[in-house]
C-alpha cells in the first residue's frame, strides 16, 4: 500500500500550511455539522409531513449510515486516484445534495438527497486527516491534528444549536441551503490552496468483494436495528436479519485479513492505545447522540420551547466544549490522556444522571446548565483521546488511522440515533399504545414522554461508565 506522502500529494509553492488547514477545516466542519443539524428540525419535519419519529429519524440515520458504509471505500479510492481530487469532488456532491434537501417536498426525496449529501461528506471526511498529516509532515502535525479533532467534535455538537436557530427563523430547509455558499467558497479556495495530487505509480487492485461485503453487512445491520422497535426485537425477521448482517461482516473481516490489498487495515487494532481509544470514542459518540436526538423533543414537546429557543439552549454544550477542549489538549501533553479521558466520560455519566432529575417545567437556563456539563465532559475527553489514538500509530499510517477513527465516530453516531429512538419508541408504545407519536399527532402525554426519556438516559449513563472503564485501561500491558 502506498504510504502517505510518497507520490500521493505535492505541496504548492508559497502556500501556508495553515491556509490548507483552514480549507480542510471548512469541509470537515460542514460534513460533521450535517450529521446532527437536522436533530432540532425533526419535530417540525414530523409535524409538516405528519410522520412518526421512527420514520422521520431516517433523515439523520440515512446520512450517517451512508457515511459509515462508504468511508473505507472512498478512502481506498483516494489512495488510488488522489486525495485532493476526491476531496474536491466531495465538495461538489455535498453542494448538490444540500440543494436537493432544501428543495425536497416529500420525506422520500429528502432522504434520497441526504444520501447524496452523505456521499460528498464521506469524500471530505476520509481525506481531511490524510491531507493535514501530509501537509504538516515537517512539523506541527500534532497541533494540526488536534485542531481538526476539535473541529470534528464541534461540528457534531453545534448542529442542534445552529439548526434550531435556523429552523426557528427561516424554516427547516434553511439548514441545508446554508451549506451551498460555504461549500462553493470552499471548493473554489481548494483549487488554489490544496496540495496537488501526484500520479500514483503503484498499481493496486480494488477490493470489490470486501467493499460489497462491508456495505451490505453494515447497511443491513443498522437497518435492522433501526426497525427493531416496530417489527419486534424477538421477531424472526429481526433476529435473522441481525444474524445475517453479522455473518456478512465476519466474512468481510476474513476477506480483509487474507487480502494482499485490504480495504481496511485491521492490524492497527493490535495497538492497545489505538484500540481502546477507539472503543471509548465509539461509546462516547453513542451516548452524546442520545442527548442530541432526545433533548430537542424534550424541550419542544414537553417544555414547549420554540425551535429557536431550543437551538440557543443546545448551544450550551458545544460552547462549553470549545472553551474546555484546548485546555484539556494542552493539559494532556503534561499529564497524559488517560486521566482526562476517563474523567470526561465520568462527567458525561453524571450529566445523564442529572438529566433524569429534570421535570416537565424547567427554564431554558436550567436545561442549558445541564447540557453544559456534557460540554465539559466532551471537552475533557475528545482532544486527549484523539491525541492518544493518532499518537499511538506509526507516522506512515496516520491517514489510515484517521479514516478508521472517522468510521468509528460515524458508526457511533448512527448507533446512538438508532438505539435511543428504539428505546424511546418501545417504552412510549408500552405506556401509550402509540408508536413514537407526539403532541403534533394529538397525543399529548408529558408523563409518558418523561418516563421514556428517563429510560434512554439511564442506558446512556451505563454506556458512559463502560467507556470510562475502557478508557482507563488504554495503557495496560501488552498488545492484541
Foldseek 3Di string as FASTA:
>chain_A
DDFQPDQFFDADPPFDLVLVLVLLLLLLLVLLLLLQLCQLVQVVVCLVQVHFPLLSLLLNLLLLLLLLLCLLVLLVVCVQPHLLVLLLVLLVQLLQLLVQLLPDPHSVSNSVSSSSNSSSSSSSQLRSLSQLLNSQVVHDSLVSLLVSLLSSVLSNQLSLLVSLQCCLPPNNSVSSVVSNVSSVVSSVSSVVHGTHTGHDPDDDDRDPLLSVLSNVLSVQQLVLLSCCLVVPCPDPVSVVSNVVSVVSVVVSVVCQVPDPDHSADCVLQLQLLQVLLLLLLLLLLLLVLLCSNQVSCLCCFQQNDHSNLSSNLSVLQSVLLVVLQVVLLVVCVVVNLLVLQLVLLLLVLVLLVVVLVDDSHDDSVVSSVSNNSNSNSCSSRRSRSSSSNQVRDDSRCSSSSSSVSVSSNSVSNSNSSSVSLSQLQNQLCVVPVDGNDGVSNPDRDSVSNSVSSNVSSVVSSVSSNVSSVSSNCSPPDGGD
